[in-house]
N, C-alpha and C. Protein backbone atom coordinates (compact mmCIF):
# COMPACT_ATOMS: atom_id res chain seq x y z
N UNK A 1 100.94 91.55 95.77
CA UNK A 1 100.95 92.99 95.58
C UNK A 1 101.95 93.59 96.54
N UNK A 2 102.52 94.69 96.13
CA UNK A 2 103.54 95.34 96.94
C UNK A 2 103.19 96.81 97.15
N UNK A 3 103.45 97.31 98.34
CA UNK A 3 103.25 98.73 98.64
C UNK A 3 104.45 99.56 98.19
N UNK A 4 105.60 98.90 97.97
CA UNK A 4 106.87 99.58 97.64
C UNK A 4 107.28 100.55 98.75
N UNK A 5 106.84 100.29 99.94
CA UNK A 5 107.12 101.20 101.04
C UNK A 5 108.62 101.36 101.27
N UNK A 6 109.35 100.26 101.31
CA UNK A 6 110.79 100.31 101.53
C UNK A 6 111.49 101.05 100.40
N UNK A 7 111.11 100.75 99.18
CA UNK A 7 111.77 101.33 98.02
C UNK A 7 111.54 102.84 97.90
N UNK A 8 110.52 103.35 98.52
CA UNK A 8 110.22 104.79 98.45
C UNK A 8 110.85 105.59 99.59
N UNK A 9 111.58 104.94 100.46
CA UNK A 9 112.18 105.62 101.61
C UNK A 9 113.08 106.77 101.18
N UNK A 10 113.92 106.53 100.20
CA UNK A 10 114.83 107.58 99.72
C UNK A 10 114.07 108.78 99.16
N UNK A 11 113.00 108.50 98.41
CA UNK A 11 112.18 109.58 97.85
C UNK A 11 111.53 110.40 98.96
N UNK A 12 111.11 109.74 100.02
CA UNK A 12 110.51 110.47 101.14
C UNK A 12 111.52 111.43 101.78
N UNK A 13 112.72 110.93 101.98
CA UNK A 13 113.77 111.81 102.54
C UNK A 13 114.06 112.97 101.60
N UNK A 14 114.13 112.67 100.32
CA UNK A 14 114.38 113.71 99.32
C UNK A 14 113.30 114.80 99.37
N UNK A 15 112.04 114.40 99.44
CA UNK A 15 110.94 115.37 99.51
C UNK A 15 110.99 116.18 100.81
N UNK A 16 111.34 115.52 101.91
CA UNK A 16 111.45 116.21 103.19
C UNK A 16 112.56 117.26 103.13
N UNK A 17 113.68 116.89 102.56
CA UNK A 17 114.82 117.81 102.42
C UNK A 17 114.48 118.96 101.46
N UNK A 18 113.76 118.65 100.40
CA UNK A 18 113.37 119.69 99.44
C UNK A 18 112.43 120.70 100.09
N UNK A 19 111.53 120.21 100.91
CA UNK A 19 110.57 121.10 101.58
C UNK A 19 111.22 121.91 102.69
N UNK A 20 112.20 121.32 103.37
CA UNK A 20 112.85 121.97 104.50
C UNK A 20 114.36 121.85 104.32
N UNK A 21 114.90 122.72 103.52
CA UNK A 21 116.30 122.63 103.08
C UNK A 21 117.32 122.68 104.21
N UNK A 22 116.96 123.24 105.34
CA UNK A 22 117.92 123.38 106.44
C UNK A 22 118.04 122.12 107.30
N UNK A 23 117.24 121.10 107.02
CA UNK A 23 117.31 119.87 107.80
C UNK A 23 118.68 119.21 107.58
N UNK A 24 119.33 118.88 108.69
CA UNK A 24 120.63 118.20 108.58
C UNK A 24 120.61 116.83 109.26
N UNK A 25 119.57 116.57 110.05
CA UNK A 25 119.44 115.26 110.70
C UNK A 25 117.97 114.86 110.76
N UNK A 26 117.75 113.57 110.54
CA UNK A 26 116.38 113.04 110.55
C UNK A 26 116.35 111.77 111.39
N UNK A 27 115.42 111.73 112.34
CA UNK A 27 115.18 110.51 113.10
C UNK A 27 114.26 109.62 112.25
N UNK A 28 114.51 108.32 112.27
CA UNK A 28 113.69 107.37 111.52
C UNK A 28 113.02 106.46 112.53
N UNK A 29 111.72 106.64 112.72
CA UNK A 29 110.95 105.84 113.67
C UNK A 29 110.52 104.54 112.99
N UNK A 30 110.92 103.40 113.57
CA UNK A 30 110.67 102.12 112.94
C UNK A 30 110.49 101.02 113.98
N UNK A 31 110.04 99.85 113.50
CA UNK A 31 109.92 98.66 114.35
C UNK A 31 111.01 97.67 113.95
N UNK A 32 110.95 96.47 114.49
CA UNK A 32 111.99 95.48 114.22
C UNK A 32 111.69 94.61 113.00
N UNK A 33 110.60 94.85 112.31
CA UNK A 33 110.26 94.04 111.14
C UNK A 33 111.39 94.10 110.11
N UNK A 34 111.63 93.00 109.43
CA UNK A 34 112.75 92.95 108.48
C UNK A 34 112.61 93.98 107.37
N UNK A 35 111.39 94.21 106.90
CA UNK A 35 111.18 95.23 105.86
C UNK A 35 111.54 96.61 106.39
N UNK A 36 111.26 96.84 107.66
CA UNK A 36 111.60 98.13 108.25
C UNK A 36 113.10 98.29 108.41
N UNK A 37 113.77 97.21 108.76
CA UNK A 37 115.23 97.28 108.87
C UNK A 37 115.84 97.59 107.51
N UNK A 38 115.27 97.04 106.45
CA UNK A 38 115.74 97.35 105.10
C UNK A 38 115.45 98.81 104.77
N UNK A 39 114.31 99.32 105.18
CA UNK A 39 113.97 100.72 104.92
C UNK A 39 114.93 101.66 105.66
N UNK A 40 115.34 101.28 106.86
CA UNK A 40 116.32 102.08 107.60
C UNK A 40 117.63 102.12 106.81
N UNK A 41 118.04 100.98 106.27
CA UNK A 41 119.26 100.94 105.45
C UNK A 41 119.10 101.83 104.21
N UNK A 42 117.92 101.77 103.59
CA UNK A 42 117.65 102.63 102.43
C UNK A 42 117.72 104.10 102.81
N UNK A 43 117.22 104.43 104.00
CA UNK A 43 117.26 105.83 104.44
C UNK A 43 118.70 106.29 104.67
N UNK A 44 119.54 105.39 105.16
CA UNK A 44 120.95 105.74 105.39
C UNK A 44 121.68 106.01 104.07
N UNK A 45 121.38 105.20 103.06
CA UNK A 45 121.98 105.40 101.74
C UNK A 45 121.52 106.74 101.15
N UNK A 46 120.21 106.98 101.19
CA UNK A 46 119.67 108.23 100.65
C UNK A 46 120.18 109.44 101.42
N UNK A 47 120.32 109.29 102.73
CA UNK A 47 120.77 110.40 103.58
C UNK A 47 122.19 110.85 103.20
N UNK A 48 123.04 109.89 102.87
CA UNK A 48 124.40 110.25 102.46
C UNK A 48 124.37 111.16 101.25
N UNK A 49 123.57 110.80 100.26
CA UNK A 49 123.48 111.60 99.04
C UNK A 49 122.89 112.99 99.32
N UNK A 50 122.03 113.07 100.31
CA UNK A 50 121.38 114.34 100.65
C UNK A 50 122.14 115.12 101.73
N UNK A 51 123.22 114.53 102.22
CA UNK A 51 124.04 115.13 103.29
C UNK A 51 123.21 115.37 104.55
N UNK A 52 122.50 114.30 104.92
CA UNK A 52 121.67 114.31 106.13
C UNK A 52 122.16 113.18 107.03
N UNK A 53 122.16 113.41 108.32
CA UNK A 53 122.46 112.33 109.26
C UNK A 53 121.14 111.65 109.63
N UNK A 54 121.18 110.33 109.73
CA UNK A 54 120.00 109.55 110.09
C UNK A 54 120.18 108.97 111.48
N UNK A 55 119.14 109.08 112.29
CA UNK A 55 119.14 108.54 113.64
C UNK A 55 118.00 107.52 113.74
N UNK A 56 118.29 106.21 113.58
CA UNK A 56 117.24 105.21 113.72
C UNK A 56 116.73 105.15 115.17
N UNK A 57 115.42 105.13 115.32
CA UNK A 57 114.78 105.04 116.64
C UNK A 57 113.72 103.94 116.56
N UNK A 58 113.90 102.91 117.37
CA UNK A 58 113.06 101.73 117.28
C UNK A 58 111.98 101.69 118.37
N UNK A 59 110.79 101.24 117.96
CA UNK A 59 109.72 100.94 118.91
C UNK A 59 109.25 99.51 118.65
N UNK A 60 109.00 98.79 119.74
CA UNK A 60 108.52 97.41 119.59
C UNK A 60 107.15 97.21 120.23
N UNK A 61 106.78 98.14 121.10
CA UNK A 61 105.49 98.04 121.78
C UNK A 61 105.00 99.45 122.11
N UNK A 62 103.74 99.60 122.49
CA UNK A 62 103.23 100.92 122.85
C UNK A 62 104.03 101.59 123.96
N UNK A 63 104.62 100.78 124.84
CA UNK A 63 105.39 101.33 125.96
C UNK A 63 106.69 101.98 125.50
N UNK A 64 107.12 101.72 124.28
CA UNK A 64 108.40 102.25 123.79
C UNK A 64 108.30 103.67 123.25
N UNK A 65 107.11 104.17 123.02
CA UNK A 65 106.98 105.48 122.38
C UNK A 65 107.58 106.62 123.21
N UNK A 66 107.35 106.63 124.50
CA UNK A 66 107.88 107.74 125.31
C UNK A 66 109.40 107.79 125.25
N UNK A 67 110.06 106.62 125.36
CA UNK A 67 111.52 106.59 125.25
C UNK A 67 111.97 106.99 123.85
N UNK A 68 111.23 106.56 122.83
CA UNK A 68 111.57 106.93 121.46
C UNK A 68 111.48 108.44 121.28
N UNK A 69 110.42 109.03 121.79
CA UNK A 69 110.25 110.48 121.68
C UNK A 69 111.36 111.22 122.43
N UNK A 70 111.75 110.70 123.58
CA UNK A 70 112.84 111.29 124.35
C UNK A 70 114.16 111.20 123.57
N UNK A 71 114.41 110.06 122.95
CA UNK A 71 115.62 109.87 122.14
C UNK A 71 115.64 110.85 120.97
N UNK A 72 114.53 111.02 120.30
CA UNK A 72 114.43 111.95 119.17
C UNK A 72 114.70 113.38 119.64
N UNK A 73 114.13 113.74 120.78
CA UNK A 73 114.31 115.08 121.33
C UNK A 73 115.75 115.31 121.74
N UNK A 74 116.32 114.37 122.47
CA UNK A 74 117.72 114.51 122.92
C UNK A 74 118.69 114.52 121.75
N UNK A 75 118.35 113.78 120.69
CA UNK A 75 119.21 113.72 119.51
C UNK A 75 119.11 114.96 118.63
N UNK A 76 118.21 115.86 118.99
CA UNK A 76 118.01 117.13 118.27
C UNK A 76 117.77 116.91 116.77
N UNK A 77 116.95 115.94 116.48
CA UNK A 77 116.61 115.67 115.08
C UNK A 77 115.92 116.89 114.49
N UNK A 78 116.29 117.20 113.25
CA UNK A 78 115.68 118.33 112.56
C UNK A 78 114.44 117.92 111.79
N UNK A 79 114.22 116.61 111.68
CA UNK A 79 113.06 116.08 110.98
C UNK A 79 112.80 114.66 111.45
N UNK A 80 111.67 114.13 111.03
CA UNK A 80 111.29 112.78 111.43
C UNK A 80 110.70 112.06 110.22
N UNK A 81 111.15 110.83 110.01
CA UNK A 81 110.61 109.95 108.99
C UNK A 81 109.97 108.78 109.72
N UNK A 82 108.67 108.56 109.50
CA UNK A 82 107.94 107.50 110.18
C UNK A 82 107.68 106.37 109.19
N UNK A 83 108.16 105.17 109.53
CA UNK A 83 107.99 104.01 108.65
C UNK A 83 106.73 103.24 109.01
N UNK A 84 106.03 102.77 108.00
CA UNK A 84 104.75 102.07 108.13
C UNK A 84 104.90 100.75 108.89
N UNK A 85 104.01 100.53 109.84
CA UNK A 85 103.87 99.24 110.52
C UNK A 85 102.52 99.26 111.23
N UNK A 86 101.99 98.08 111.57
CA UNK A 86 100.73 98.07 112.30
C UNK A 86 100.82 98.82 113.63
N UNK A 87 101.93 98.68 114.35
CA UNK A 87 102.09 99.37 115.63
C UNK A 87 102.09 100.89 115.43
N UNK A 88 102.88 101.35 114.49
CA UNK A 88 102.97 102.79 114.23
C UNK A 88 101.63 103.33 113.75
N UNK A 89 100.97 102.59 112.90
CA UNK A 89 99.67 103.03 112.38
C UNK A 89 98.62 103.14 113.49
N UNK A 90 98.66 102.21 114.43
CA UNK A 90 97.73 102.22 115.55
C UNK A 90 97.90 103.48 116.40
N UNK A 91 99.13 103.96 116.49
CA UNK A 91 99.42 105.12 117.34
C UNK A 91 99.70 106.37 116.51
N UNK A 92 99.03 106.50 115.37
CA UNK A 92 99.22 107.63 114.47
C UNK A 92 99.00 108.97 115.18
N UNK A 93 97.93 109.08 115.94
CA UNK A 93 97.63 110.35 116.61
C UNK A 93 98.70 110.68 117.64
N UNK A 94 99.16 109.70 118.36
CA UNK A 94 100.21 109.91 119.36
C UNK A 94 101.49 110.44 118.69
N UNK A 95 101.82 109.88 117.55
CA UNK A 95 103.03 110.30 116.84
C UNK A 95 102.85 111.70 116.26
N UNK A 96 101.71 111.96 115.63
CA UNK A 96 101.49 113.29 115.05
C UNK A 96 101.43 114.36 116.14
N UNK A 97 100.87 114.03 117.29
CA UNK A 97 100.84 114.99 118.41
C UNK A 97 102.26 115.32 118.88
N UNK A 98 103.11 114.30 118.99
CA UNK A 98 104.50 114.52 119.38
C UNK A 98 105.20 115.43 118.37
N UNK A 99 105.07 115.12 117.09
CA UNK A 99 105.73 115.91 116.05
C UNK A 99 105.25 117.35 116.07
N UNK A 100 103.95 117.55 116.28
CA UNK A 100 103.41 118.92 116.33
C UNK A 100 103.94 119.65 117.56
N UNK A 101 103.93 119.00 118.70
CA UNK A 101 104.41 119.61 119.94
C UNK A 101 105.88 120.03 119.82
N UNK A 102 106.69 119.21 119.17
CA UNK A 102 108.13 119.48 119.01
C UNK A 102 108.41 120.36 117.79
N UNK A 103 107.35 120.70 117.02
CA UNK A 103 107.49 121.49 115.79
C UNK A 103 108.48 120.83 114.83
N UNK A 104 108.30 119.53 114.67
CA UNK A 104 109.22 118.70 113.92
C UNK A 104 108.66 118.38 112.53
N UNK A 105 109.33 118.82 111.47
CA UNK A 105 108.88 118.45 110.12
C UNK A 105 108.91 116.93 109.99
N UNK A 106 107.77 116.34 109.66
CA UNK A 106 107.66 114.89 109.66
C UNK A 106 107.07 114.37 108.36
N UNK A 107 107.71 113.32 107.83
CA UNK A 107 107.28 112.65 106.60
C UNK A 107 106.74 111.27 106.97
N UNK A 108 105.56 110.99 106.46
CA UNK A 108 104.91 109.69 106.68
C UNK A 108 104.75 108.99 105.34
N UNK A 109 104.46 107.69 105.37
CA UNK A 109 104.25 106.98 104.11
C UNK A 109 102.79 106.65 103.87
N UNK A 110 101.91 107.25 104.66
CA UNK A 110 100.50 106.93 104.55
C UNK A 110 99.67 108.18 104.82
N UNK A 111 98.70 108.43 103.99
CA UNK A 111 97.84 109.61 104.12
C UNK A 111 97.10 109.65 105.46
N UNK A 112 96.89 108.48 106.07
CA UNK A 112 96.23 108.40 107.38
C UNK A 112 96.86 109.38 108.37
N UNK A 113 98.17 109.45 108.36
CA UNK A 113 98.88 110.32 109.30
C UNK A 113 98.62 111.79 109.02
N UNK A 114 98.61 112.17 107.76
CA UNK A 114 98.38 113.57 107.41
C UNK A 114 96.94 113.95 107.72
N UNK A 115 96.03 113.05 107.50
CA UNK A 115 94.63 113.31 107.83
C UNK A 115 94.42 113.38 109.35
N UNK A 116 95.34 112.76 110.13
CA UNK A 116 95.28 112.81 111.59
C UNK A 116 96.05 114.01 112.14
N UNK A 117 96.55 114.87 111.26
CA UNK A 117 97.26 116.06 111.71
C UNK A 117 98.74 116.07 111.41
N UNK A 118 99.23 115.04 110.72
CA UNK A 118 100.64 115.02 110.33
C UNK A 118 100.93 116.03 109.24
N UNK A 119 102.20 116.24 108.94
CA UNK A 119 102.60 117.28 108.01
C UNK A 119 102.59 116.83 106.54
N UNK A 120 103.37 115.80 106.22
CA UNK A 120 103.54 115.40 104.82
C UNK A 120 103.52 113.87 104.71
N UNK A 121 102.96 113.37 103.62
CA UNK A 121 103.07 111.94 103.34
C UNK A 121 103.34 111.73 101.86
N UNK A 122 104.06 110.65 101.59
CA UNK A 122 104.28 110.24 100.21
C UNK A 122 104.25 108.72 100.20
N UNK A 123 103.35 108.17 99.41
CA UNK A 123 103.27 106.72 99.37
C UNK A 123 102.21 106.24 98.41
N UNK A 124 101.97 104.96 98.50
CA UNK A 124 100.99 104.30 97.65
C UNK A 124 99.60 104.85 97.91
N UNK A 125 98.85 105.03 96.85
CA UNK A 125 97.46 105.43 96.97
C UNK A 125 96.71 104.19 97.46
N UNK A 126 96.35 104.19 98.74
CA UNK A 126 95.76 103.01 99.38
C UNK A 126 94.44 102.60 98.74
N UNK A 127 93.63 103.56 98.34
CA UNK A 127 92.35 103.24 97.71
C UNK A 127 92.57 102.50 96.38
N UNK A 128 93.52 102.98 95.59
CA UNK A 128 93.84 102.32 94.33
C UNK A 128 94.39 100.91 94.59
N UNK A 129 95.22 100.80 95.62
CA UNK A 129 95.80 99.52 96.00
C UNK A 129 94.69 98.51 96.35
N UNK A 130 93.72 98.96 97.13
CA UNK A 130 92.60 98.08 97.53
C UNK A 130 91.76 97.68 96.33
N UNK A 131 91.56 98.59 95.40
CA UNK A 131 90.82 98.25 94.17
C UNK A 131 91.54 97.16 93.39
N UNK A 132 92.86 97.30 93.28
CA UNK A 132 93.65 96.29 92.56
C UNK A 132 93.58 94.95 93.30
N UNK A 133 93.62 94.99 94.61
CA UNK A 133 93.54 93.75 95.40
C UNK A 133 92.18 93.08 95.18
N UNK A 134 91.12 93.87 95.08
CA UNK A 134 89.79 93.32 94.84
C UNK A 134 89.73 92.60 93.50
N UNK A 135 90.43 93.11 92.50
CA UNK A 135 90.47 92.46 91.19
C UNK A 135 91.14 91.08 91.32
N UNK A 136 92.20 91.03 92.12
CA UNK A 136 92.88 89.75 92.35
C UNK A 136 91.97 88.77 93.08
N UNK A 137 91.28 89.23 94.08
CA UNK A 137 90.35 88.36 94.82
C UNK A 137 89.29 87.83 93.87
N UNK A 138 88.76 88.70 93.01
CA UNK A 138 87.75 88.28 92.05
C UNK A 138 88.30 87.18 91.13
N UNK A 139 89.52 87.37 90.64
CA UNK A 139 90.12 86.36 89.75
C UNK A 139 90.32 85.03 90.48
N UNK A 140 90.74 85.09 91.71
CA UNK A 140 90.96 83.87 92.49
C UNK A 140 89.63 83.15 92.75
N UNK A 141 88.61 83.93 93.10
CA UNK A 141 87.29 83.34 93.34
C UNK A 141 86.70 82.72 92.07
N UNK A 142 87.14 83.21 90.92
CA UNK A 142 86.67 82.67 89.64
C UNK A 142 87.54 81.53 89.14
N UNK A 143 88.52 81.09 89.98
CA UNK A 143 89.28 79.91 89.65
C UNK A 143 90.74 80.10 89.27
N UNK A 144 91.21 81.31 89.13
CA UNK A 144 92.62 81.52 88.81
C UNK A 144 93.48 81.12 90.01
N UNK A 145 94.54 80.37 89.74
CA UNK A 145 95.45 79.99 90.81
C UNK A 145 96.28 81.21 91.21
N UNK A 146 96.41 81.47 92.50
CA UNK A 146 97.20 82.63 92.95
C UNK A 146 98.62 82.62 92.37
N UNK A 147 99.21 81.43 92.21
CA UNK A 147 100.57 81.33 91.68
C UNK A 147 100.64 81.79 90.22
N UNK A 148 99.50 81.82 89.53
CA UNK A 148 99.48 82.25 88.13
C UNK A 148 99.32 83.76 87.97
N UNK A 149 99.07 84.45 89.07
CA UNK A 149 98.90 85.90 89.01
C UNK A 149 100.26 86.58 89.21
N UNK A 150 100.54 87.60 88.43
CA UNK A 150 101.82 88.32 88.59
C UNK A 150 101.81 89.18 89.85
N UNK A 151 103.00 89.45 90.35
CA UNK A 151 103.13 90.39 91.47
C UNK A 151 102.93 91.78 90.89
N UNK A 152 102.07 92.55 91.50
CA UNK A 152 101.81 93.91 91.02
C UNK A 152 102.43 94.93 91.94
N UNK A 153 102.93 95.98 91.31
CA UNK A 153 103.44 97.12 92.07
C UNK A 153 102.44 98.25 91.92
N UNK A 154 102.44 99.17 92.87
CA UNK A 154 101.50 100.29 92.80
C UNK A 154 101.68 101.10 91.52
N UNK A 155 100.58 101.64 91.05
CA UNK A 155 100.60 102.48 89.86
C UNK A 155 100.42 103.95 90.23
N UNK A 156 99.81 104.19 91.38
CA UNK A 156 99.54 105.56 91.79
C UNK A 156 100.17 105.83 93.15
N UNK A 157 100.84 106.95 93.22
CA UNK A 157 101.43 107.41 94.48
C UNK A 157 100.83 108.77 94.77
N UNK A 158 100.79 109.11 96.06
CA UNK A 158 100.23 110.41 96.40
C UNK A 158 101.14 111.16 97.37
N UNK A 159 101.27 112.43 97.10
CA UNK A 159 102.06 113.35 97.91
C UNK A 159 101.07 114.32 98.52
N UNK A 160 100.92 114.26 99.85
CA UNK A 160 99.90 115.05 100.53
C UNK A 160 100.58 115.96 101.56
N UNK A 161 100.13 117.21 101.59
CA UNK A 161 100.68 118.19 102.51
C UNK A 161 99.54 118.78 103.33
N UNK A 162 99.76 118.89 104.64
CA UNK A 162 98.78 119.49 105.54
C UNK A 162 99.26 120.90 105.88
N UNK A 163 98.71 121.91 105.18
CA UNK A 163 99.12 123.30 105.42
C UNK A 163 98.67 123.81 106.79
N UNK A 164 97.58 123.24 107.27
CA UNK A 164 97.09 123.63 108.60
C UNK A 164 98.14 123.27 109.66
N UNK A 165 98.71 122.08 109.54
CA UNK A 165 99.75 121.65 110.47
C UNK A 165 101.02 122.48 110.27
N UNK A 166 101.38 122.74 109.03
CA UNK A 166 102.57 123.56 108.75
C UNK A 166 102.46 124.91 109.44
N UNK A 167 101.28 125.51 109.35
CA UNK A 167 101.06 126.82 109.98
C UNK A 167 101.15 126.71 111.51
N UNK A 168 100.55 125.65 112.06
CA UNK A 168 100.55 125.47 113.52
C UNK A 168 101.96 125.32 114.08
N UNK A 169 102.85 124.70 113.30
CA UNK A 169 104.21 124.50 113.83
C UNK A 169 105.20 125.53 113.27
N UNK A 170 104.67 126.52 112.55
CA UNK A 170 105.50 127.63 112.10
C UNK A 170 106.40 127.32 110.92
N UNK A 171 105.97 126.42 110.04
CA UNK A 171 106.77 126.08 108.86
C UNK A 171 106.11 126.60 107.59
N UNK A 172 106.93 126.96 106.65
CA UNK A 172 106.44 127.39 105.35
C UNK A 172 106.86 126.36 104.31
N UNK A 173 105.91 125.90 103.56
CA UNK A 173 106.19 124.94 102.49
C UNK A 173 106.49 125.75 101.23
N UNK A 174 107.65 125.53 100.60
CA UNK A 174 107.98 126.27 99.38
C UNK A 174 106.95 126.05 98.27
N UNK A 175 106.68 127.08 97.47
CA UNK A 175 105.68 126.96 96.39
C UNK A 175 105.97 125.81 95.41
N UNK A 176 107.25 125.56 95.10
CA UNK A 176 107.57 124.49 94.16
C UNK A 176 107.21 123.12 94.74
N UNK A 177 107.27 122.96 96.05
CA UNK A 177 106.89 121.70 96.70
C UNK A 177 105.37 121.59 96.73
N UNK A 178 104.70 122.70 97.07
CA UNK A 178 103.23 122.71 97.08
C UNK A 178 102.65 122.37 95.70
N UNK A 179 103.30 122.86 94.66
CA UNK A 179 102.81 122.62 93.30
C UNK A 179 102.86 121.14 92.93
N UNK A 180 103.73 120.38 93.55
CA UNK A 180 103.88 118.95 93.26
C UNK A 180 102.89 118.09 94.04
N UNK A 181 102.25 118.65 95.05
CA UNK A 181 101.35 117.89 95.91
C UNK A 181 100.11 117.44 95.15
N UNK A 182 99.68 116.21 95.43
CA UNK A 182 98.43 115.70 94.85
C UNK A 182 97.23 116.22 95.62
N UNK A 183 97.45 116.49 96.91
CA UNK A 183 96.38 117.00 97.75
C UNK A 183 97.00 117.92 98.80
N UNK A 184 96.34 119.05 99.04
CA UNK A 184 96.76 119.98 100.07
C UNK A 184 95.60 120.17 101.04
N UNK A 185 95.85 119.88 102.30
CA UNK A 185 94.84 120.08 103.34
C UNK A 185 95.03 121.48 103.89
N UNK A 186 93.99 122.29 103.82
CA UNK A 186 94.10 123.70 104.24
C UNK A 186 93.41 123.94 105.55
C-alpha cells in the first residue's frame, strides 16, 4: 500500500499558494529519508510552476529543530511545507507551535498536525488507509500470498483547514478554498 505522500507534494504547494496568494517562498521541513529527498525534488518542480522559491530545511534528530526553525526564520520563508516522517510526526506540537508563533502559513500531509493546532493539511485519509490495510491482513491470514496482492493506492484524500489557527495567526482563508475543504475546524 502507498500513502502517495511524495506524489502529492506539488498539490500541497498548489493549495498553499491558492490559499495564500502572496506567498513567494516556502521552507520545506524534511528528514534524510530517500522518499523525503524525492518529495523535496517534487516540491522544487512544483514551485517553479507556481513561481515560488523553495528552501529545503533538514532535521535528522530532535536536536535539529531549533536550528531548523532559526534557518526558516532567517530565510524569511512566507510559508512552510512539512513532510511526513516518524521524527516530524513525533514532534508535531513543537512544529505547530513554531508555525503559530511565527504566524507562518503551514501545509502538512497529515490531519494529526491540524488537529494539534496546525493550519492546513492535504493527504491520505489515514482511517480509510488503515481499513484497507486490515483487508490485506485478513487476506494474508486466510492464506493469500502477499506477492499475489496488488499494490494499492489511496482512494480518499482529505483537505482539512483549522480556522481557529488561521484566526490566531491573523490569516484569512479565501471562501473558494474553504468550500473545497473536507473538514473545517472552527
